[in-house]
Amino acid sequence: MMCLLFCYVFIVKEGEKMKRIRLDVTKSMTFKDGCELYLLDCRQRNLRGATINHYRQSHLRFYRYFEPDLPLEQVDESMYNGYVLQLCDELENSVSVNTYLRDLITLGSNP
């Protein structure tokens, strides 16, 4: 997964209107980068502290299976299936398993 980040920079000169410059930065994103970016997005959307804490706990569980420095583009179906099996082994409640899987999918869909 390649992530395209957009950054808007406003340049102000005295007596002139602001001009917007758009910088496009494309880089490979690691699992840790994606988790941090998602938490930043949650804070920017002013989500409740308990919700953000839930995502932090989910990220800690991700790190038990996926290396934090693993590039997201290297996560494939077999790795995902292995993660599902690990969750099923560790958790007895299928609702909890699905919650963690939903959190992982949410992380992968972050803009």
Protein backbone atom coordinates (compact mmCIF):
# COMPACT_ATOMS: atom_id res chain seq x y z
CA MET A 1 0.00 0.00 0.00
CA MET A 2 1.46 3.30 -0.99
CA CYS A 3 0.30 6.32 0.88
CA LEU A 4 -0.08 9.65 -0.82
CA LEU A 5 0.07 12.45 1.71
CA PHE A 6 -1.13 15.92 0.85
CA CYS A 7 0.19 18.92 2.66
CA TYR A 8 -1.07 22.43 2.08
CA VAL A 9 1.32 25.26 2.81
CA PHE A 10 0.08 28.82 2.98
CA ILE A 11 2.53 31.53 2.04
CA VAL A 12 1.71 35.02 3.24
CA LYS A 13 3.49 38.13 2.04
CA GLU A 14 2.69 41.45 3.56
CA GLY A 15 -0.13 43.13 1.65
CA GLU A 16 -0.91 40.07 -0.50
CA LYS A 17 -3.50 37.34 -0.33
CA MET A 18 -2.48 33.89 0.83
CA LYS A 19 -1.33 31.54 -1.89
CA ARG A 20 -1.79 27.83 -1.45
CA ILE A 21 0.95 25.45 -2.50
CA ARG A 22 0.19 21.73 -2.60
CA LEU A 23 2.98 19.30 -1.83
CA ASP A 24 2.49 15.64 -2.78
CA VAL A 25 4.65 13.23 -0.84
CA THR A 26 4.53 9.55 -1.75
CA LYS A 27 6.24 7.08 0.54
CA SER A 28 6.02 3.51 1.66
CA MET A 29 4.28 3.33 5.01
CA THR A 30 5.08 0.91 7.83
CA PHE A 31 2.55 -0.60 10.18
CA LYS A 32 3.72 1.75 12.93
CA ASP A 33 3.46 4.78 10.62
CA GLY A 34 -0.07 3.78 9.64
CA CYS A 35 -1.11 3.31 13.27
CA GLU A 36 0.30 6.68 14.29
CA LEU A 37 -1.30 8.41 11.31
CA TYR A 38 -4.65 6.82 12.12
CA LEU A 39 -4.46 7.93 15.77
CA LEU A 40 -3.61 11.46 14.62
CA ASP A 41 -6.64 11.40 12.32
CA CYS A 42 -8.82 10.23 15.24
CA ARG A 43 -7.61 13.13 17.39
CA GLN A 44 -8.20 15.60 14.55
CA ARG A 45 -11.76 14.30 14.23
CA ASN A 46 -12.13 14.87 17.98
CA LEU A 47 -13.06 11.27 18.79
CA ARG A 48 -13.60 10.35 22.43
CA GLY A 49 -10.55 9.44 24.49
CA ALA A 50 -11.97 5.98 25.13
CA THR A 51 -12.27 5.37 21.38
CA ILE A 52 -8.68 6.45 20.77
CA ASN A 53 -7.54 4.25 23.66
CA HIS A 54 -9.39 1.30 22.09
CA TYR A 55 -7.49 1.84 18.82
CA ARG A 56 -4.18 2.06 20.75
CA GLN A 57 -4.94 -1.31 22.37
CA SER A 58 -5.80 -2.77 18.96
CA HIS A 59 -2.48 -1.54 17.60
CA LEU A 60 -0.63 -3.27 20.43
CA ARG A 61 -2.34 -6.51 19.44
CA PHE A 62 -1.37 -5.92 15.79
CA TYR A 63 2.26 -5.62 16.89
CA ARG A 64 2.12 -9.08 18.45
CA TYR A 65 1.64 -10.53 14.99
CA PHE A 66 2.87 -7.90 12.52
CA GLU A 67 6.28 -6.27 12.95
CA PRO A 68 5.83 -2.51 13.51
CA ASP A 69 8.41 -1.80 10.78
CA LEU A 70 6.68 -4.05 8.24
CA PRO A 71 5.72 -2.05 5.12
CA LEU A 72 1.95 -2.10 4.69
CA GLU A 73 2.29 -3.06 1.03
CA GLN A 74 3.81 -6.39 2.15
CA VAL A 75 0.69 -7.44 4.06
CA ASP A 76 -1.03 -10.02 1.90
CA GLU A 77 -3.98 -12.39 2.23
CA SER A 78 -1.94 -15.18 3.82
CA MET A 79 -0.64 -12.81 6.54
CA TYR A 80 -4.18 -11.59 7.17
CA ASN A 81 -5.44 -15.18 7.43
CA GLY A 82 -2.63 -16.00 9.88
CA TYR A 83 -3.67 -13.02 12.00
CA VAL A 84 -7.27 -14.25 11.97
CA LEU A 85 -6.15 -17.68 13.19
CA GLN A 86 -4.03 -16.14 15.95
CA LEU A 87 -6.99 -14.06 17.15
CA CYS A 88 -9.25 -17.12 17.12
CA ASP A 89 -6.69 -19.03 19.20
CA GLU A 90 -6.23 -16.21 21.73
CA LEU A 91 -9.80 -14.96 22.04
CA GLU A 92 -12.85 -17.05 22.85
CA ASN A 93 -15.39 -14.44 21.81
CA SER A 94 -16.06 -14.15 18.07
CA VAL A 95 -17.30 -10.57 18.56
CA SER A 96 -13.86 -9.60 19.92
CA VAL A 97 -12.14 -11.31 16.97
CA ASN A 98 -14.31 -9.39 14.52
CA THR A 99 -13.70 -6.12 16.38
CA TYR A 100 -9.92 -6.50 16.01
CA LEU A 101 -10.31 -7.44 12.35
CA ARG A 102 -12.50 -4.39 11.75
CA ASP A 103 -9.85 -2.22 13.42
CA LEU A 104 -7.21 -3.67 11.10
CA ILE A 105 -9.35 -2.99 8.03
CA THR A 106 -9.98 0.56 9.27
CA LEU A 107 -6.24 1.11 9.56
CA GLY A 108 -5.71 -0.10 6.00
CA SER A 109 -8.35 2.24 4.60
CA ASN A 110 -6.95 5.38 6.22
CA PRO A 111 -6.46 8.13 3.61
